[in-house]
C-alpha cells in the first residue's frame, strides 16, 4: 500500500504543489488529444528538473508516457540515469512499463495522484516496486490530490466517448 500522508504532514504542501503542476501538464496533454497524465521530477534541492506530459498520440510513440519522458529529461539534466535523490510526481499510478523504468532509474520517491485499477503496476493491479524482480526499494506515496486527478481523467474519457458517439451518429 502507498504510505498515507496527513494534511498536517510537513511535506504535504510541497507534495500538493508539485502535483498541482503535474495536473496542469496533464491538462495540456488532454487538450492536445493525449490521455491527460502529467509528470514532474524534483531534485533534492526542491527544483523541478523535468516537466512532461503524455505524448503518445502527438509523437506516435507507444513509449511516450509522461513518466518515461520525465525520466529521460531528468537523466539528461543530471547527466546520470541514477535518480536516487529525486522525486517523481505523476497524476496517475504508473503502468508496468513506467513502473519498471522508475525502479530501474533507482528513483528516490514516487508520488502519484489516482490509482489505476486497470493497469496500475505500483499498487492496484501489480506491485513491481515490491516484487522479487525489483532491485530497488521505492518509497511510494499515493493519493495526493487523488480526487482532482481521477476527475480529470474521467472527464477526458467521458468527453472522448461523447464525441465518438456523436461522430457515429452522423
N, C-alpha and C. Protein backbone atom coordinates (compact mmCIF):
# COMPACT_ATOMS: atom_id res chain seq x y z
N UNK A 1 0.83 -1.19 0.00
CA UNK A 1 0.00 0.00 0.00
C UNK A 1 0.88 1.25 0.00
N UNK A 2 0.43 2.31 -0.69
CA UNK A 2 1.15 3.58 -0.59
C UNK A 2 1.08 4.09 0.84
N UNK A 3 2.08 4.81 1.24
CA UNK A 3 2.10 5.39 2.57
C UNK A 3 1.12 6.55 2.60
N UNK A 4 0.14 6.53 3.53
CA UNK A 4 -0.78 7.68 3.60
C UNK A 4 -0.07 8.90 4.15
N UNK A 5 -0.54 10.06 3.78
CA UNK A 5 0.05 11.30 4.28
C UNK A 5 -1.07 12.18 4.83
N UNK A 6 -0.86 12.69 6.01
CA UNK A 6 -1.86 13.55 6.64
C UNK A 6 -1.73 14.97 6.12
N UNK A 7 -2.84 15.71 6.17
CA UNK A 7 -2.83 17.10 5.72
C UNK A 7 -1.88 17.95 6.54
N UNK A 8 -1.62 17.55 7.79
CA UNK A 8 -0.72 18.33 8.63
C UNK A 8 0.73 17.84 8.55
N UNK A 9 1.00 16.88 7.67
CA UNK A 9 2.37 16.38 7.47
C UNK A 9 3.22 17.52 6.90
N UNK A 10 4.47 17.67 7.35
CA UNK A 10 5.29 18.80 6.89
C UNK A 10 5.53 18.83 5.38
N UNK A 11 5.49 17.67 4.72
CA UNK A 11 5.73 17.63 3.28
C UNK A 11 4.46 17.73 2.44
N UNK A 12 3.30 17.76 3.09
CA UNK A 12 2.04 17.74 2.34
C UNK A 12 1.94 18.91 1.37
N UNK A 13 2.23 20.11 1.81
CA UNK A 13 2.09 21.28 0.93
C UNK A 13 3.05 21.20 -0.25
N UNK A 14 4.25 20.70 -0.02
CA UNK A 14 5.20 20.52 -1.12
C UNK A 14 4.67 19.49 -2.11
N UNK A 15 4.19 18.36 -1.61
CA UNK A 15 3.64 17.33 -2.50
C UNK A 15 2.44 17.88 -3.28
N UNK A 16 1.61 18.62 -2.61
CA UNK A 16 0.44 19.21 -3.25
C UNK A 16 0.86 20.19 -4.36
N UNK A 17 1.85 21.01 -4.07
CA UNK A 17 2.34 21.99 -5.05
C UNK A 17 2.82 21.31 -6.33
N UNK A 18 3.62 20.27 -6.19
CA UNK A 18 4.15 19.60 -7.38
C UNK A 18 3.07 18.80 -8.09
N UNK A 19 2.13 18.24 -7.35
CA UNK A 19 1.03 17.51 -8.00
C UNK A 19 0.14 18.49 -8.77
N UNK A 20 -0.06 19.68 -8.25
CA UNK A 20 -0.82 20.69 -8.98
C UNK A 20 -0.13 21.02 -10.31
N UNK A 21 1.18 21.07 -10.30
CA UNK A 21 1.92 21.32 -11.55
C UNK A 21 1.73 20.15 -12.51
N UNK A 22 1.79 18.93 -11.99
CA UNK A 22 1.58 17.75 -12.83
C UNK A 22 0.17 17.74 -13.41
N UNK A 23 -0.80 18.18 -12.64
CA UNK A 23 -2.19 18.26 -13.12
C UNK A 23 -2.29 19.27 -14.27
N UNK A 24 -1.60 20.39 -14.16
CA UNK A 24 -1.60 21.38 -15.24
C UNK A 24 -0.98 20.79 -16.51
N UNK A 25 0.08 20.04 -16.35
CA UNK A 25 0.70 19.38 -17.50
C UNK A 25 -0.24 18.34 -18.11
N UNK A 26 -0.94 17.62 -17.25
CA UNK A 26 -1.92 16.63 -17.73
C UNK A 26 -3.01 17.32 -18.54
N UNK A 27 -3.44 18.49 -18.10
CA UNK A 27 -4.46 19.24 -18.84
C UNK A 27 -3.96 19.59 -20.24
N UNK A 28 -2.69 19.98 -20.32
CA UNK A 28 -2.12 20.29 -21.64
C UNK A 28 -2.11 19.05 -22.53
N UNK A 29 -1.81 17.90 -21.96
CA UNK A 29 -1.83 16.66 -22.73
C UNK A 29 -3.24 16.37 -23.23
N UNK A 30 -4.22 16.47 -22.33
CA UNK A 30 -5.60 16.23 -22.72
C UNK A 30 -6.08 17.18 -23.79
N UNK A 31 -5.72 18.45 -23.66
CA UNK A 31 -6.11 19.45 -24.66
C UNK A 31 -5.50 19.14 -26.03
N UNK A 32 -4.36 18.46 -26.03
CA UNK A 32 -3.68 18.13 -27.28
C UNK A 32 -4.10 16.76 -27.83
N UNK A 33 -5.03 16.09 -27.14
CA UNK A 33 -5.54 14.82 -27.65
C UNK A 33 -4.90 13.58 -27.03
N UNK A 34 -4.01 13.76 -26.08
CA UNK A 34 -3.39 12.63 -25.38
C UNK A 34 -4.10 12.40 -24.06
N UNK A 35 -4.01 11.18 -23.54
CA UNK A 35 -4.57 10.90 -22.23
C UNK A 35 -3.93 11.86 -21.23
N UNK A 36 -4.73 12.54 -20.42
CA UNK A 36 -4.20 13.58 -19.53
C UNK A 36 -3.44 13.03 -18.33
N UNK A 37 -2.16 12.82 -18.53
CA UNK A 37 -1.25 12.43 -17.46
C UNK A 37 -0.06 13.36 -17.52
N UNK A 38 0.29 13.92 -16.37
CA UNK A 38 1.43 14.82 -16.28
C UNK A 38 2.42 14.32 -15.25
N UNK A 39 3.68 14.69 -15.42
CA UNK A 39 4.73 14.24 -14.51
C UNK A 39 5.76 15.35 -14.30
N UNK A 40 6.25 15.42 -13.07
CA UNK A 40 7.29 16.37 -12.69
C UNK A 40 8.32 15.61 -11.87
N UNK A 41 9.59 15.84 -12.16
CA UNK A 41 10.66 15.28 -11.33
C UNK A 41 11.36 16.44 -10.64
N UNK A 42 11.50 16.28 -9.32
CA UNK A 42 12.09 17.31 -8.47
C UNK A 42 13.38 16.76 -7.88
N UNK A 43 14.43 17.59 -7.91
CA UNK A 43 15.72 17.16 -7.35
C UNK A 43 15.72 17.38 -5.83
N UNK A 44 16.79 16.97 -5.14
CA UNK A 44 16.80 17.07 -3.67
C UNK A 44 16.77 18.50 -3.13
N UNK A 45 17.06 19.48 -3.97
CA UNK A 45 17.00 20.87 -3.51
C UNK A 45 15.60 21.46 -3.65
N UNK A 46 14.67 20.68 -4.24
CA UNK A 46 13.31 21.16 -4.42
C UNK A 46 13.09 21.86 -5.74
N UNK A 47 14.00 21.65 -6.69
CA UNK A 47 13.91 22.28 -8.02
C UNK A 47 13.37 21.28 -9.02
N UNK A 48 12.40 21.70 -9.82
CA UNK A 48 11.88 20.85 -10.89
C UNK A 48 12.94 20.73 -11.98
N UNK A 49 13.33 19.50 -12.30
CA UNK A 49 14.34 19.29 -13.34
C UNK A 49 13.74 18.65 -14.60
N UNK A 50 12.47 18.21 -14.51
CA UNK A 50 11.79 17.66 -15.68
C UNK A 50 10.29 17.85 -15.49
N UNK A 51 9.63 18.34 -16.52
CA UNK A 51 8.19 18.51 -16.54
C UNK A 51 7.69 18.03 -17.89
N UNK A 52 6.84 17.01 -17.87
CA UNK A 52 6.37 16.42 -19.14
C UNK A 52 4.92 15.97 -19.01
N UNK A 53 4.35 15.67 -20.16
CA UNK A 53 3.02 15.09 -20.19
C UNK A 53 2.98 14.00 -21.25
N UNK A 54 1.93 13.18 -21.21
CA UNK A 54 1.79 12.13 -22.22
C UNK A 54 1.88 12.73 -23.61
N UNK A 55 2.58 12.03 -24.49
CA UNK A 55 2.74 12.49 -25.87
C UNK A 55 2.61 11.34 -26.86
N UNK A 56 1.97 10.24 -26.47
CA UNK A 56 1.88 9.08 -27.36
C UNK A 56 1.23 9.41 -28.69
N UNK A 57 0.11 10.10 -28.66
CA UNK A 57 -0.60 10.43 -29.90
C UNK A 57 0.18 11.43 -30.74
N UNK A 58 0.68 12.47 -30.11
CA UNK A 58 1.40 13.51 -30.85
C UNK A 58 2.71 13.00 -31.44
N UNK A 59 3.42 12.16 -30.67
CA UNK A 59 4.71 11.65 -31.14
C UNK A 59 4.58 10.34 -31.89
N UNK A 60 3.38 9.75 -31.87
CA UNK A 60 3.15 8.43 -32.46
C UNK A 60 4.16 7.43 -31.91
N UNK A 61 4.28 7.45 -30.58
CA UNK A 61 5.29 6.66 -29.88
C UNK A 61 4.63 5.98 -28.68
N UNK A 62 4.54 4.64 -28.69
CA UNK A 62 3.89 3.95 -27.58
C UNK A 62 4.62 4.10 -26.25
N UNK A 63 5.86 4.52 -26.26
CA UNK A 63 6.61 4.70 -25.02
C UNK A 63 6.59 6.14 -24.51
N UNK A 64 5.90 7.01 -25.17
CA UNK A 64 5.91 8.43 -24.80
C UNK A 64 4.93 8.74 -23.67
N UNK A 65 5.01 7.94 -22.61
CA UNK A 65 4.23 8.22 -21.40
C UNK A 65 4.93 9.34 -20.64
N UNK A 66 4.17 10.08 -19.86
CA UNK A 66 4.72 11.21 -19.11
C UNK A 66 5.90 10.79 -18.24
N UNK A 67 5.78 9.65 -17.57
CA UNK A 67 6.85 9.20 -16.67
C UNK A 67 8.14 8.90 -17.42
N UNK A 68 8.03 8.21 -18.54
CA UNK A 68 9.21 7.84 -19.33
C UNK A 68 9.91 9.11 -19.82
N UNK A 69 9.13 10.03 -20.35
CA UNK A 69 9.70 11.28 -20.85
C UNK A 69 10.36 12.07 -19.73
N UNK A 70 9.75 12.07 -18.55
CA UNK A 70 10.33 12.79 -17.41
C UNK A 70 11.63 12.14 -16.95
N UNK A 71 11.66 10.82 -16.89
CA UNK A 71 12.90 10.12 -16.50
C UNK A 71 14.03 10.44 -17.49
N UNK A 72 13.71 10.42 -18.77
CA UNK A 72 14.72 10.74 -19.79
C UNK A 72 15.25 12.16 -19.61
N UNK A 73 14.33 13.10 -19.44
CA UNK A 73 14.73 14.51 -19.30
C UNK A 73 15.55 14.72 -18.03
N UNK A 74 15.15 14.11 -16.93
CA UNK A 74 15.90 14.27 -15.67
C UNK A 74 17.30 13.67 -15.80
N UNK A 75 17.41 12.54 -16.46
CA UNK A 75 18.72 11.94 -16.68
C UNK A 75 19.64 12.86 -17.48
N UNK A 76 19.07 13.54 -18.46
CA UNK A 76 19.87 14.48 -19.26
C UNK A 76 20.31 15.68 -18.42
N UNK A 77 19.41 16.18 -17.59
CA UNK A 77 19.75 17.33 -16.74
C UNK A 77 20.85 16.97 -15.75
N UNK A 78 20.72 15.80 -15.14
CA UNK A 78 21.70 15.37 -14.14
C UNK A 78 22.93 14.71 -14.73
N UNK A 79 22.86 14.40 -16.03
CA UNK A 79 23.93 13.67 -16.70
C UNK A 79 24.19 12.33 -16.00
N UNK A 80 23.10 11.69 -15.58
CA UNK A 80 23.18 10.43 -14.85
C UNK A 80 21.81 9.76 -14.88
N UNK A 81 21.77 8.47 -15.07
CA UNK A 81 20.48 7.77 -15.07
C UNK A 81 20.06 7.36 -13.67
N UNK A 82 20.93 7.47 -12.71
CA UNK A 82 20.59 7.18 -11.31
C UNK A 82 19.87 8.40 -10.73
N UNK A 83 18.59 8.24 -10.45
CA UNK A 83 17.78 9.36 -9.94
C UNK A 83 17.46 9.13 -8.46
N UNK A 84 18.44 8.66 -7.73
CA UNK A 84 18.24 8.22 -6.36
C UNK A 84 17.82 9.32 -5.40
N UNK A 85 18.10 10.54 -5.71
CA UNK A 85 17.75 11.66 -4.82
C UNK A 85 16.55 12.44 -5.32
N UNK A 86 15.89 11.93 -6.35
CA UNK A 86 14.79 12.67 -6.97
C UNK A 86 13.43 12.09 -6.61
N UNK A 87 12.42 12.94 -6.73
CA UNK A 87 11.02 12.53 -6.52
C UNK A 87 10.26 12.75 -7.82
N UNK A 88 9.52 11.72 -8.22
CA UNK A 88 8.65 11.81 -9.39
C UNK A 88 7.22 12.02 -8.91
N UNK A 89 6.58 13.07 -9.41
CA UNK A 89 5.17 13.34 -9.17
C UNK A 89 4.43 13.03 -10.47
N UNK A 90 3.42 12.18 -10.40
CA UNK A 90 2.66 11.83 -11.59
C UNK A 90 1.18 11.70 -11.20
N UNK A 91 0.32 12.13 -12.11
CA UNK A 91 -1.11 12.20 -11.78
C UNK A 91 -1.79 10.84 -11.72
N UNK A 92 -1.24 9.83 -12.36
CA UNK A 92 -1.84 8.50 -12.42
C UNK A 92 -0.81 7.45 -12.04
N UNK A 93 -1.23 6.46 -11.30
CA UNK A 93 -0.35 5.35 -10.94
C UNK A 93 0.32 4.79 -12.19
N UNK A 94 1.63 4.61 -12.18
CA UNK A 94 2.33 4.12 -13.37
C UNK A 94 1.90 2.73 -13.83
N UNK A 95 1.94 2.55 -15.16
CA UNK A 95 1.67 1.27 -15.80
C UNK A 95 2.90 0.37 -15.64
N UNK A 96 2.84 -0.88 -16.11
CA UNK A 96 4.01 -1.77 -15.97
C UNK A 96 5.29 -1.21 -16.61
N UNK A 97 5.19 -0.63 -17.80
CA UNK A 97 6.38 -0.09 -18.45
C UNK A 97 7.00 1.02 -17.60
N UNK A 98 6.16 1.94 -17.15
CA UNK A 98 6.65 3.09 -16.39
C UNK A 98 7.13 2.69 -15.01
N UNK A 99 6.42 1.77 -14.36
CA UNK A 99 6.85 1.30 -13.04
C UNK A 99 8.21 0.62 -13.15
N UNK A 100 8.41 -0.16 -14.20
CA UNK A 100 9.72 -0.79 -14.41
C UNK A 100 10.81 0.24 -14.62
N UNK A 101 10.53 1.26 -15.40
CA UNK A 101 11.52 2.31 -15.65
C UNK A 101 11.84 3.08 -14.37
N UNK A 102 10.82 3.34 -13.55
CA UNK A 102 11.02 4.05 -12.28
C UNK A 102 11.95 3.24 -11.37
N UNK A 103 11.70 1.94 -11.29
CA UNK A 103 12.56 1.07 -10.47
C UNK A 103 13.98 1.06 -11.02
N UNK A 104 14.12 0.92 -12.33
CA UNK A 104 15.45 0.85 -12.93
C UNK A 104 16.22 2.16 -12.79
N UNK A 105 15.51 3.27 -12.69
CA UNK A 105 16.16 4.57 -12.51
C UNK A 105 16.60 4.79 -11.06
N UNK A 106 16.25 3.85 -10.19
CA UNK A 106 16.59 3.95 -8.76
C UNK A 106 16.02 5.24 -8.15
N UNK A 107 14.81 5.59 -8.58
CA UNK A 107 14.16 6.82 -8.13
C UNK A 107 14.11 6.88 -6.61
N UNK A 108 14.28 8.09 -6.07
CA UNK A 108 14.25 8.28 -4.62
C UNK A 108 12.87 8.14 -4.03
N UNK A 109 11.85 8.64 -4.73
CA UNK A 109 10.47 8.54 -4.25
C UNK A 109 9.51 8.73 -5.41
N UNK A 110 8.40 8.00 -5.34
CA UNK A 110 7.31 8.14 -6.30
C UNK A 110 6.10 8.67 -5.55
N UNK A 111 5.51 9.75 -6.07
CA UNK A 111 4.28 10.32 -5.53
C UNK A 111 3.29 10.36 -6.68
N UNK A 112 2.13 9.71 -6.49
CA UNK A 112 1.14 9.73 -7.56
C UNK A 112 -0.22 10.14 -7.03
N UNK A 113 -1.09 10.55 -7.97
CA UNK A 113 -2.41 11.03 -7.61
C UNK A 113 -3.44 9.92 -7.51
N UNK A 114 -3.92 9.44 -8.65
CA UNK A 114 -5.01 8.46 -8.68
C UNK A 114 -4.49 7.05 -8.96
N UNK A 115 -5.12 6.08 -8.31
CA UNK A 115 -4.85 4.69 -8.62
C UNK A 115 -5.35 4.39 -10.03
N UNK A 116 -4.73 3.40 -10.67
CA UNK A 116 -5.19 2.95 -11.99
C UNK A 116 -5.66 1.50 -11.85
N UNK A 117 -6.97 1.29 -11.67
CA UNK A 117 -7.47 -0.06 -11.42
C UNK A 117 -7.37 -1.00 -12.62
N UNK A 118 -7.05 -0.48 -13.80
CA UNK A 118 -6.92 -1.32 -14.99
C UNK A 118 -5.47 -1.71 -15.29
N UNK A 119 -4.54 -0.79 -15.08
CA UNK A 119 -3.15 -1.05 -15.49
C UNK A 119 -2.12 -0.61 -14.47
N UNK A 120 -2.54 -0.25 -13.27
CA UNK A 120 -1.60 0.22 -12.26
C UNK A 120 -0.62 -0.87 -11.85
N UNK A 121 0.66 -0.54 -11.90
CA UNK A 121 1.69 -1.53 -11.61
C UNK A 121 2.53 -1.17 -10.39
N UNK A 122 1.98 -0.30 -9.54
CA UNK A 122 2.67 0.07 -8.31
C UNK A 122 1.92 -0.48 -7.10
N UNK A 123 0.59 -0.46 -7.16
CA UNK A 123 -0.20 -0.97 -6.04
C UNK A 123 -1.52 -1.60 -6.48
N UNK A 124 -2.17 -1.10 -7.51
CA UNK A 124 -3.54 -1.51 -7.84
C UNK A 124 -3.68 -2.90 -8.45
N UNK A 125 -2.99 -3.15 -9.54
CA UNK A 125 -3.08 -4.44 -10.23
C UNK A 125 -1.83 -5.27 -9.97
N UNK A 126 -0.68 -4.65 -10.15
CA UNK A 126 0.61 -5.27 -9.88
C UNK A 126 1.35 -4.44 -8.85
N UNK A 127 2.43 -5.00 -8.34
CA UNK A 127 3.28 -4.25 -7.42
C UNK A 127 4.74 -4.51 -7.81
N UNK A 128 5.14 -3.92 -8.91
CA UNK A 128 6.52 -4.11 -9.40
C UNK A 128 7.58 -3.61 -8.42
N UNK A 129 7.38 -2.46 -7.77
CA UNK A 129 8.44 -2.00 -6.86
C UNK A 129 8.76 -2.96 -5.72
N UNK A 130 7.77 -3.69 -5.25
CA UNK A 130 7.99 -4.61 -4.13
C UNK A 130 8.14 -6.06 -4.57
N UNK A 131 8.20 -6.31 -5.87
CA UNK A 131 8.28 -7.69 -6.36
C UNK A 131 9.71 -8.23 -6.28
N UNK A 132 9.84 -9.52 -6.43
CA UNK A 132 11.14 -10.18 -6.36
C UNK A 132 12.08 -9.70 -7.47
N UNK A 133 11.53 -9.22 -8.58
CA UNK A 133 12.38 -8.77 -9.69
C UNK A 133 12.92 -7.36 -9.48
N UNK A 134 12.47 -6.67 -8.46
CA UNK A 134 12.92 -5.30 -8.23
C UNK A 134 14.25 -5.29 -7.49
N UNK A 135 15.16 -4.50 -8.01
CA UNK A 135 16.48 -4.38 -7.40
C UNK A 135 16.60 -3.10 -6.57
N UNK A 136 15.48 -2.47 -6.27
CA UNK A 136 15.49 -1.16 -5.62
C UNK A 136 14.26 -1.01 -4.75
N UNK A 137 14.44 -0.56 -3.53
CA UNK A 137 13.31 -0.26 -2.66
C UNK A 137 12.81 1.15 -2.98
N UNK A 138 11.57 1.25 -3.40
CA UNK A 138 11.00 2.51 -3.85
C UNK A 138 9.96 3.01 -2.85
N UNK A 139 10.23 4.11 -2.17
CA UNK A 139 9.19 4.71 -1.34
C UNK A 139 8.07 5.26 -2.22
N UNK A 140 6.84 4.92 -1.91
CA UNK A 140 5.69 5.31 -2.71
C UNK A 140 4.67 6.03 -1.84
N UNK A 141 4.16 7.13 -2.35
CA UNK A 141 3.12 7.88 -1.68
C UNK A 141 2.01 8.10 -2.70
N UNK A 142 0.85 7.52 -2.46
CA UNK A 142 -0.26 7.64 -3.39
C UNK A 142 -1.38 8.47 -2.81
N UNK A 143 -2.23 8.99 -3.69
CA UNK A 143 -3.43 9.68 -3.26
C UNK A 143 -3.31 11.18 -3.08
N UNK A 144 -2.21 11.78 -3.51
CA UNK A 144 -2.08 13.24 -3.42
C UNK A 144 -2.97 13.88 -4.49
N UNK A 145 -3.93 14.68 -4.06
CA UNK A 145 -4.93 15.30 -4.94
C UNK A 145 -5.62 14.24 -5.80
N UNK A 146 -5.88 13.10 -5.18
CA UNK A 146 -6.46 11.96 -5.89
C UNK A 146 -7.77 12.29 -6.59
N UNK A 147 -8.67 12.96 -5.91
CA UNK A 147 -9.98 13.27 -6.50
C UNK A 147 -9.82 14.12 -7.75
N UNK A 148 -8.99 15.13 -7.68
CA UNK A 148 -8.76 16.00 -8.84
C UNK A 148 -8.16 15.21 -10.00
N UNK A 149 -7.16 14.39 -9.71
CA UNK A 149 -6.52 13.59 -10.75
C UNK A 149 -7.50 12.62 -11.39
N UNK A 150 -8.28 11.93 -10.59
CA UNK A 150 -9.25 10.96 -11.10
C UNK A 150 -10.33 11.66 -11.93
N UNK A 151 -10.85 12.78 -11.42
CA UNK A 151 -11.90 13.50 -12.15
C UNK A 151 -11.39 14.03 -13.49
N UNK A 152 -10.14 14.47 -13.52
CA UNK A 152 -9.57 14.96 -14.77
C UNK A 152 -9.57 13.85 -15.82
N UNK A 153 -9.14 12.68 -15.43
CA UNK A 153 -9.12 11.54 -16.36
C UNK A 153 -10.53 11.12 -16.75
N UNK A 154 -11.42 10.99 -15.80
CA UNK A 154 -12.79 10.56 -16.09
C UNK A 154 -13.49 11.55 -17.01
N UNK A 155 -13.31 12.83 -16.78
CA UNK A 155 -13.93 13.85 -17.64
C UNK A 155 -13.40 13.76 -19.06
N UNK A 156 -12.09 13.58 -19.18
CA UNK A 156 -11.49 13.49 -20.52
C UNK A 156 -12.03 12.30 -21.28
N UNK A 157 -12.08 11.13 -20.63
CA UNK A 157 -12.60 9.94 -21.30
C UNK A 157 -14.08 10.07 -21.61
N UNK A 158 -14.86 10.67 -20.72
CA UNK A 158 -16.29 10.88 -20.98
C UNK A 158 -16.48 11.79 -22.19
N UNK A 159 -15.67 12.83 -22.28
CA UNK A 159 -15.76 13.75 -23.42
C UNK A 159 -15.40 13.02 -24.72
N UNK A 160 -14.38 12.18 -24.67
CA UNK A 160 -14.00 11.42 -25.88
C UNK A 160 -15.11 10.47 -26.31
N UNK A 161 -15.71 9.79 -25.34
CA UNK A 161 -16.81 8.88 -25.65
C UNK A 161 -17.98 9.66 -26.25
N UNK A 162 -18.26 10.83 -25.70
CA UNK A 162 -19.36 11.66 -26.19
C UNK A 162 -19.10 12.09 -27.62
N UNK A 163 -17.88 12.53 -27.92
CA UNK A 163 -17.53 12.94 -29.28
C UNK A 163 -17.58 11.76 -30.23
N UNK A 164 -17.13 10.61 -29.77
CA UNK A 164 -17.14 9.41 -30.59
C UNK A 164 -18.57 9.00 -30.94
N UNK A 165 -19.47 9.08 -29.96
CA UNK A 165 -20.88 8.74 -30.19
C UNK A 165 -21.53 9.72 -31.16
N UNK A 166 -21.24 11.00 -31.03
CA UNK A 166 -21.84 12.00 -31.92
C UNK A 166 -21.27 11.87 -33.32
N UNK A 167 -20.01 11.47 -33.45
CA UNK A 167 -19.43 11.27 -34.78
C UNK A 167 -20.08 10.08 -35.48
N UNK A 168 -20.39 9.02 -34.73
CA UNK A 168 -21.02 7.83 -35.31
C UNK A 168 -22.45 8.13 -35.75
N UNK A 169 -23.12 9.06 -35.06
CA UNK A 169 -24.48 9.41 -35.40
C UNK A 169 -24.59 10.13 -36.74
N UNK A 170 -23.50 10.76 -37.14
CA UNK A 170 -23.50 11.50 -38.41
C UNK A 170 -23.36 10.53 -39.52
